[in-house]
Amino acid sequence: MKYAIEVRGLVKSFGEVRALDGIDLGVAPGTVMGLLGPNGAGKTTAVRVLSTLTVPDAGTARVLGLDVVAQAAQVRERLSLTGQYAGLDDGLTGEQNLVLIARLLGASRSQAKARAHELIERFDLAHAASRPVAGYSGGMRRRLDLAASIVRRPEVLVLDEPTTGLDPNSRNGLWEVVRELVAEGTTVLLTTQYLEEADQLADSIAVVDSGRVIASGTPSQLKQTVGGLVLRLRPVRPDALAQLRDLADWTIGASVREEDATLFVPVAHAGEATALMSRVSQAGVDLAAFGLDEPTLDEVFLTLTGHRTGTDEKKTEVPA
């Protein structure tokens, strides 16, 4: 397959710290790859290498067939980066920021103003276009930052945690813009701490830990590594967790996980969940809440790395 982004054996160290330890990635054209991992896993270092901001110690990285070291200038002409912090001039208005970037990229004055107006409308910023960016909300700043990154329509767009700190409405708005860009043919590499974001947007996912890719595949393929379904049981009395664990082991031989006074039991199908719930009822264990879910990417992440991402994503529970 011909990849829009291709990384092979990428290594980068900072003193004694090996940020990248032989990463391999391949992103198909016109798709979204989600790059997931705990803080310090190497995600941002990989982004910086692909964006020509950091030179790797070993390995190769290509964007649209161009080597990010030997052909850095050509890569920068075809790739855009939206980092974790908005790269805007607070003293300028939203429109002035976009016009300035367009002019720096070689557009004429009339072309720059036309492109700025187009992006302002597309990102729902017309009401604030003439206001200084210093007065923008976090969601407005992120929308303007993403607009700035596509002033010159990129073939490849790298988004490094683009929705961190945004409210749900602002996050959903950015997701819609990303979907539109991909529909137009842009290839996107997305790093995120929000597992739901990756589940919504990514065609493929690579999970990185300690500078290595420890798992990759489509969201569905990764979820299948956890199991068919997950039964959540939260007893009224926390000291009943040990009894629930024994019941799960006796009934279906499941390898369970305990967190926040709740037992998480992987089951192959709903019938196993029903059998376990029957055992729980017969044993007289009172439940405060329970639920049966498909595995989430959060479960995958936890299984692979041993901990959650640190975001506040919560499941809906059914009161018992």
Protein backbone atom coordinates (compact mmCIF):
# COMPACT_ATOMS: atom_id res chain seq x y z
CA MET A 1 0.00 0.00 0.00
CA LYS A 2 1.12 3.55 -0.72
CA TYR A 3 0.94 5.56 2.51
CA ALA A 4 0.46 9.30 2.95
CA ILE A 5 2.50 9.03 6.16
CA GLU A 6 5.05 6.25 6.60
CA VAL A 7 7.33 5.81 9.60
CA ARG A 8 9.86 3.01 9.95
CA GLY A 9 12.10 2.32 12.95
CA LEU A 10 11.95 5.89 14.23
CA VAL A 11 14.26 6.59 17.19
CA LYS A 12 14.76 9.80 19.15
CA SER A 13 16.49 10.30 22.50
CA PHE A 14 16.82 13.32 24.74
CA GLY A 15 19.78 12.61 26.96
CA GLU A 16 19.00 9.42 28.85
CA VAL A 17 15.35 9.49 27.83
CA ARG A 18 14.44 7.45 24.74
CA ALA A 19 11.28 9.22 23.58
CA LEU A 20 10.91 7.10 20.42
CA ASP A 21 12.18 3.54 20.42
CA GLY A 22 11.62 2.17 16.93
CA ILE A 23 8.11 3.35 16.02
CA ASP A 24 6.48 2.07 12.82
CA LEU A 25 3.36 3.76 11.38
CA GLY A 26 1.46 3.78 8.11
CA VAL A 27 -1.44 6.14 7.38
CA ALA A 28 -3.46 5.57 4.22
CA PRO A 29 -4.34 8.63 2.08
CA GLY A 30 -7.61 10.34 2.92
CA THR A 31 -8.00 8.66 6.33
CA VAL A 32 -7.59 9.55 10.00
CA MET A 33 -5.10 7.74 12.20
CA GLY A 34 -5.48 8.21 15.94
CA LEU A 35 -2.20 8.13 17.86
CA LEU A 36 -3.00 7.23 21.48
CA GLY A 37 -0.82 6.82 24.52
CA PRO A 38 -0.22 8.01 28.08
CA ASN A 39 1.62 11.24 28.78
CA GLY A 40 5.29 10.80 27.92
CA ALA A 41 4.63 7.92 25.53
CA GLY A 42 6.29 9.70 22.58
CA LYS A 43 3.25 11.05 20.71
CA THR A 44 4.33 14.69 20.56
CA THR A 45 7.90 13.73 19.67
CA ALA A 46 6.57 11.71 16.73
CA VAL A 47 4.45 14.70 15.67
CA ARG A 48 7.47 17.01 15.85
CA VAL A 49 9.54 14.65 13.70
CA LEU A 50 6.80 14.35 11.08
CA SER A 51 6.38 18.13 11.08
CA THR A 52 10.15 18.63 10.48
CA LEU A 53 10.55 20.36 13.86
CA THR A 54 12.76 17.61 15.32
CA VAL A 55 15.40 15.49 13.58
CA PRO A 56 15.28 11.78 14.49
CA ASP A 57 18.37 9.86 15.63
CA ALA A 58 17.55 6.85 13.47
CA GLY A 59 14.86 5.45 11.21
CA THR A 60 12.92 7.13 8.43
CA ALA A 61 9.74 9.18 8.20
CA ARG A 62 8.05 10.12 4.94
CA VAL A 63 5.10 12.39 4.23
CA LEU A 64 3.58 11.94 0.76
CA GLY A 65 6.75 10.09 -0.20
CA LEU A 66 9.02 12.94 0.94
CA ASP A 67 11.73 12.36 3.54
CA VAL A 68 11.09 14.67 6.51
CA VAL A 69 14.84 15.30 6.97
CA ALA A 70 16.29 15.38 3.45
CA GLN A 71 13.23 17.08 1.93
CA ALA A 72 11.98 19.10 4.90
CA ALA A 73 11.11 22.20 2.88
CA GLN A 74 8.89 20.24 0.47
CA VAL A 75 7.20 18.49 3.41
CA ARG A 76 6.36 21.83 5.03
CA GLU A 77 4.72 22.98 1.81
CA ARG A 78 2.27 20.06 1.89
CA LEU A 79 1.68 19.49 5.61
CA SER A 80 -0.03 21.62 8.27
CA LEU A 81 0.26 21.29 12.04
CA THR A 82 -2.14 22.36 14.76
CA GLY A 83 -0.30 22.01 18.06
CA GLN A 84 -1.56 21.81 21.61
CA TYR A 85 -1.56 25.59 21.98
CA ALA A 86 -3.11 28.10 19.60
CA GLY A 87 -0.44 29.84 17.50
CA LEU A 88 -2.30 33.12 17.08
CA ASP A 89 -1.52 36.83 17.50
CA ASP A 90 -3.77 38.03 20.32
CA GLY A 91 -3.45 41.66 19.23
CA LEU A 92 -4.93 41.02 15.79
CA THR A 93 -8.52 40.26 14.93
CA GLY A 94 -9.55 36.82 13.77
CA GLU A 95 -9.73 38.02 10.17
CA GLN A 96 -6.37 39.77 10.38
CA ASN A 97 -4.71 36.58 11.66
CA LEU A 98 -5.97 34.61 8.68
CA VAL A 99 -5.10 37.33 6.16
CA LEU A 100 -1.58 37.61 7.62
CA ILE A 101 -0.97 33.86 7.28
CA ALA A 102 -2.34 33.80 3.73
CA ARG A 103 -0.07 36.71 2.76
CA LEU A 104 2.95 34.98 4.31
CA LEU A 105 2.11 31.93 2.21
CA GLY A 106 2.24 34.02 -0.97
CA ALA A 107 -1.41 34.95 -1.59
CA SER A 108 -2.24 38.37 -3.02
CA ARG A 109 -4.15 40.82 -0.82
CA SER A 110 -7.46 40.06 -2.53
CA GLN A 111 -6.82 36.30 -2.43
CA ALA A 112 -5.90 36.49 1.26
CA LYS A 113 -9.07 38.39 2.18
CA ALA A 114 -11.24 36.01 0.15
CA ARG A 115 -9.71 32.95 1.80
CA ALA A 116 -10.04 34.53 5.26
CA HIS A 117 -13.73 35.25 4.69
CA GLU A 118 -14.30 31.70 3.44
CA LEU A 119 -12.69 30.18 6.53
CA ILE A 120 -14.44 32.55 8.93
CA GLU A 121 -17.78 31.41 7.58
CA ARG A 122 -16.79 27.75 7.56
CA PHE A 123 -15.68 27.84 11.20
CA ASP A 124 -18.67 29.87 12.40
CA LEU A 125 -16.59 32.89 13.43
CA ALA A 126 -18.30 35.67 11.46
CA HIS A 127 -19.69 37.24 14.64
CA ALA A 128 -16.16 37.62 16.04
CA ALA A 129 -14.09 38.19 12.90
CA SER A 130 -13.43 41.87 13.67
CA ARG A 131 -12.66 41.34 17.37
CA PRO A 132 -9.12 40.92 18.80
CA VAL A 133 -8.28 37.27 19.43
CA ALA A 134 -7.36 38.13 23.03
CA GLY A 135 -11.09 38.23 23.78
CA TYR A 136 -11.92 34.87 22.16
CA SER A 137 -13.15 31.90 24.19
CA GLY A 138 -11.13 28.70 24.22
CA GLY A 139 -13.40 27.06 21.65
CA MET A 140 -13.23 30.07 19.33
CA ARG A 141 -9.44 30.17 19.57
CA ARG A 142 -9.16 26.48 18.69
CA ARG A 143 -11.50 26.90 15.71
CA LEU A 144 -9.47 29.88 14.50
CA ASP A 145 -6.23 27.95 15.02
CA LEU A 146 -7.53 25.07 12.92
CA ALA A 147 -8.71 27.54 10.27
CA ALA A 148 -5.22 29.04 10.22
CA SER A 149 -3.70 25.61 9.67
CA ILE A 150 -5.72 25.09 6.49
CA VAL A 151 -5.35 28.57 4.94
CA ARG A 152 -3.32 26.70 2.37
CA ARG A 153 -5.34 23.53 1.87
CA PRO A 154 -3.09 20.79 3.28
CA GLU A 155 -2.74 17.33 1.85
CA VAL A 156 -1.71 16.14 5.33
CA LEU A 157 -2.95 17.68 8.60
CA VAL A 158 -1.36 16.82 11.95
CA LEU A 159 -3.54 17.58 14.98
CA ASP A 160 -1.77 17.34 18.34
CA GLU A 161 -4.49 17.13 21.02
CA PRO A 162 -6.62 19.77 19.25
CA THR A 163 -9.63 19.68 21.59
CA THR A 164 -7.96 19.58 25.01
CA GLY A 165 -9.91 21.79 27.41
CA LEU A 166 -12.83 22.44 25.08
CA ASP A 167 -16.47 22.10 26.09
CA PRO A 168 -18.49 19.31 24.41
CA ASN A 169 -20.16 21.65 21.90
CA SER A 170 -16.85 23.13 20.75
CA ARG A 171 -15.32 19.66 20.54
CA ASN A 172 -18.20 18.36 18.42
CA GLY A 173 -17.83 21.36 16.11
CA LEU A 174 -14.16 20.62 15.54
CA TRP A 175 -14.94 16.96 14.90
CA GLU A 176 -17.33 18.00 12.14
CA VAL A 177 -14.68 20.18 10.51
CA VAL A 178 -12.18 17.30 10.59
CA ARG A 179 -14.72 15.01 8.93
CA GLU A 180 -15.27 17.59 6.19
CA LEU A 181 -11.54 17.90 5.54
CA VAL A 182 -11.14 14.12 5.27
CA ALA A 183 -14.11 13.94 2.91
CA GLU A 184 -12.24 16.43 0.71
CA GLY A 185 -9.17 14.16 0.64
CA THR A 186 -6.99 15.40 3.50
CA THR A 187 -5.04 12.80 5.49
CA VAL A 188 -5.11 13.41 9.25
CA LEU A 189 -2.83 12.23 12.05
CA LEU A 190 -4.57 12.88 15.36
CA THR A 191 -3.08 12.61 18.84
CA THR A 192 -5.64 12.82 21.62
CA GLN A 193 -6.27 12.01 25.27
CA TYR A 194 -9.99 11.63 24.56
CA LEU A 195 -10.73 8.03 23.65
CA GLU A 196 -14.22 8.96 22.44
CA GLU A 197 -12.60 11.39 20.00
CA ALA A 198 -10.48 8.66 18.47
CA ASP A 199 -13.49 6.34 18.35
CA GLN A 200 -15.52 8.99 16.51
CA LEU A 201 -12.90 10.12 14.00
CA ALA A 202 -10.19 7.52 13.46
CA ASP A 203 -10.18 4.94 10.67
CA SER A 204 -7.14 3.33 12.29
CA ILE A 205 -5.44 3.63 15.68
CA ALA A 206 -1.92 3.09 16.97
CA VAL A 207 -1.38 2.84 20.72
CA VAL A 208 2.05 4.07 21.82
CA ASP A 209 3.73 3.42 25.15
CA SER A 210 7.36 4.02 26.18
CA GLY A 211 8.25 5.08 22.66
CA ARG A 212 6.90 1.97 20.94
CA VAL A 213 3.72 1.02 19.13
CA ILE A 214 2.21 -1.69 21.32
CA ALA A 215 -1.01 -2.23 19.32
CA SER A 216 -2.60 -1.05 16.08
CA GLY A 217 -5.70 -1.66 14.00
CA THR A 218 -9.17 -0.30 13.44
CA PRO A 219 -11.20 0.70 16.52
CA SER A 220 -13.30 -2.46 16.12
CA GLN A 221 -10.24 -4.69 15.88
CA LEU A 222 -8.73 -3.19 19.03
CA LYS A 223 -11.99 -3.57 20.95
CA GLN A 224 -12.10 -7.24 20.04
CA THR A 225 -8.82 -7.75 21.91
CA VAL A 226 -10.63 -6.93 25.17
CA GLY A 227 -13.57 -9.27 24.70
CA GLY A 228 -17.13 -9.33 23.47
CA LEU A 229 -18.91 -7.39 26.25
CA VAL A 230 -18.14 -5.95 29.67
CA LEU A 231 -20.49 -6.44 32.64
CA ARG A 232 -20.15 -3.79 35.37
CA LEU A 233 -21.23 -4.68 38.89
CA ARG A 234 -21.15 -2.23 41.80
CA PRO A 235 -22.30 -3.71 45.10
CA VAL A 236 -24.05 -1.71 47.79
CA ARG A 237 -21.35 -2.81 50.24
CA PRO A 238 -17.75 -2.50 48.95
CA ASP A 239 -16.72 -5.50 51.05
CA ALA A 240 -18.90 -7.65 48.76
CA LEU A 241 -16.47 -7.15 45.86
CA ALA A 242 -14.48 -10.23 46.85
CA GLN A 243 -17.65 -12.33 46.76
CA LEU A 244 -18.56 -10.94 43.35
CA ARG A 245 -15.07 -11.75 42.10
CA ASP A 246 -15.42 -15.35 43.28
CA LEU A 247 -18.85 -15.65 41.65
CA ALA A 248 -17.46 -14.37 38.33
CA ASP A 249 -14.58 -16.86 38.49
CA TRP A 250 -16.87 -19.75 39.41
CA THR A 251 -19.56 -18.95 36.82
CA ILE A 252 -17.56 -18.03 33.71
CA GLY A 253 -13.89 -18.14 34.74
CA ALA A 254 -13.49 -14.49 33.77
CA SER A 255 -10.39 -12.40 34.43
CA VAL A 256 -11.96 -9.43 36.19
CA ARG A 257 -10.83 -5.89 36.97
CA GLU A 258 -11.75 -3.81 40.00
CA GLU A 259 -11.94 -0.01 39.98
CA ASP A 260 -13.85 2.61 41.98
CA ALA A 261 -15.68 -0.07 44.04
CA THR A 262 -16.92 -1.61 40.77
CA LEU A 263 -16.15 -4.99 39.24
CA PHE A 264 -15.63 -5.15 35.44
CA VAL A 265 -16.22 -8.64 34.03
CA PRO A 266 -15.49 -9.42 30.35
CA VAL A 267 -18.12 -11.79 28.93
CA ALA A 268 -18.28 -13.47 25.53
CA HIS A 269 -22.02 -12.86 25.07
CA ALA A 270 -25.16 -11.71 26.88
CA GLY A 271 -25.92 -15.26 28.01
CA GLU A 272 -22.83 -15.31 30.21
CA ALA A 273 -23.86 -11.99 31.73
CA THR A 274 -27.34 -13.38 32.47
CA ALA A 275 -25.87 -16.47 34.12
CA LEU A 276 -23.61 -14.37 36.34
CA MET A 277 -26.41 -12.00 37.30
CA SER A 278 -28.50 -15.02 38.30
CA ARG A 279 -25.65 -16.29 40.53
CA VAL A 280 -25.32 -12.82 42.09
CA SER A 281 -29.06 -12.76 42.86
CA GLN A 282 -29.00 -16.27 44.33
CA ALA A 283 -26.05 -15.31 46.54
CA GLY A 284 -28.02 -12.36 47.90
CA VAL A 285 -25.49 -9.71 46.90
CA ASP A 286 -27.25 -6.34 46.65
CA LEU A 287 -26.14 -4.19 43.73
CA ALA A 288 -26.09 -0.39 43.71
CA ALA A 289 -25.68 -0.32 39.92
CA PHE A 290 -24.89 -2.57 36.98
CA GLY A 291 -24.48 -2.29 33.22
CA LEU A 292 -23.59 -4.32 30.13
CA ASP A 293 -21.49 -2.51 27.53
CA GLU A 294 -19.49 -3.15 24.44
CA PRO A 295 -15.79 -2.60 25.16
CA THR A 296 -14.67 0.99 24.69
CA LEU A 297 -11.32 2.31 23.58
CA ASP A 298 -10.84 3.31 27.21
CA GLU A 299 -11.01 -0.40 28.11
CA VAL A 300 -8.54 -1.19 25.33
CA PHE A 301 -6.20 1.54 26.52
CA LEU A 302 -6.40 0.31 30.10
CA THR A 303 -5.78 -3.30 29.08
CA LEU A 304 -2.75 -2.37 26.97
CA THR A 305 -1.10 0.25 29.17
CA GLY A 306 -2.35 -0.63 32.64
CA HIS A 307 -4.06 2.70 33.31
CA ARG A 308 -6.58 5.11 31.89
CA THR A 309 -5.76 8.26 29.94
CA GLY A 310 -6.63 10.57 32.80
CA THR A 311 -9.63 12.13 31.04
CA ASP A 312 -12.97 12.22 32.81
CA GLU A 313 -14.88 9.96 30.46
CA LYS A 314 -17.66 8.17 32.35
CA LYS A 315 -20.10 5.41 31.52
CA THR A 316 -23.80 5.56 32.19
CA GLU A 317 -24.85 3.15 34.89
CA VAL A 318 -28.23 1.51 35.43
CA PRO A 319 -29.45 1.86 39.03
CA ALA A 320 -30.14 -1.53 40.59
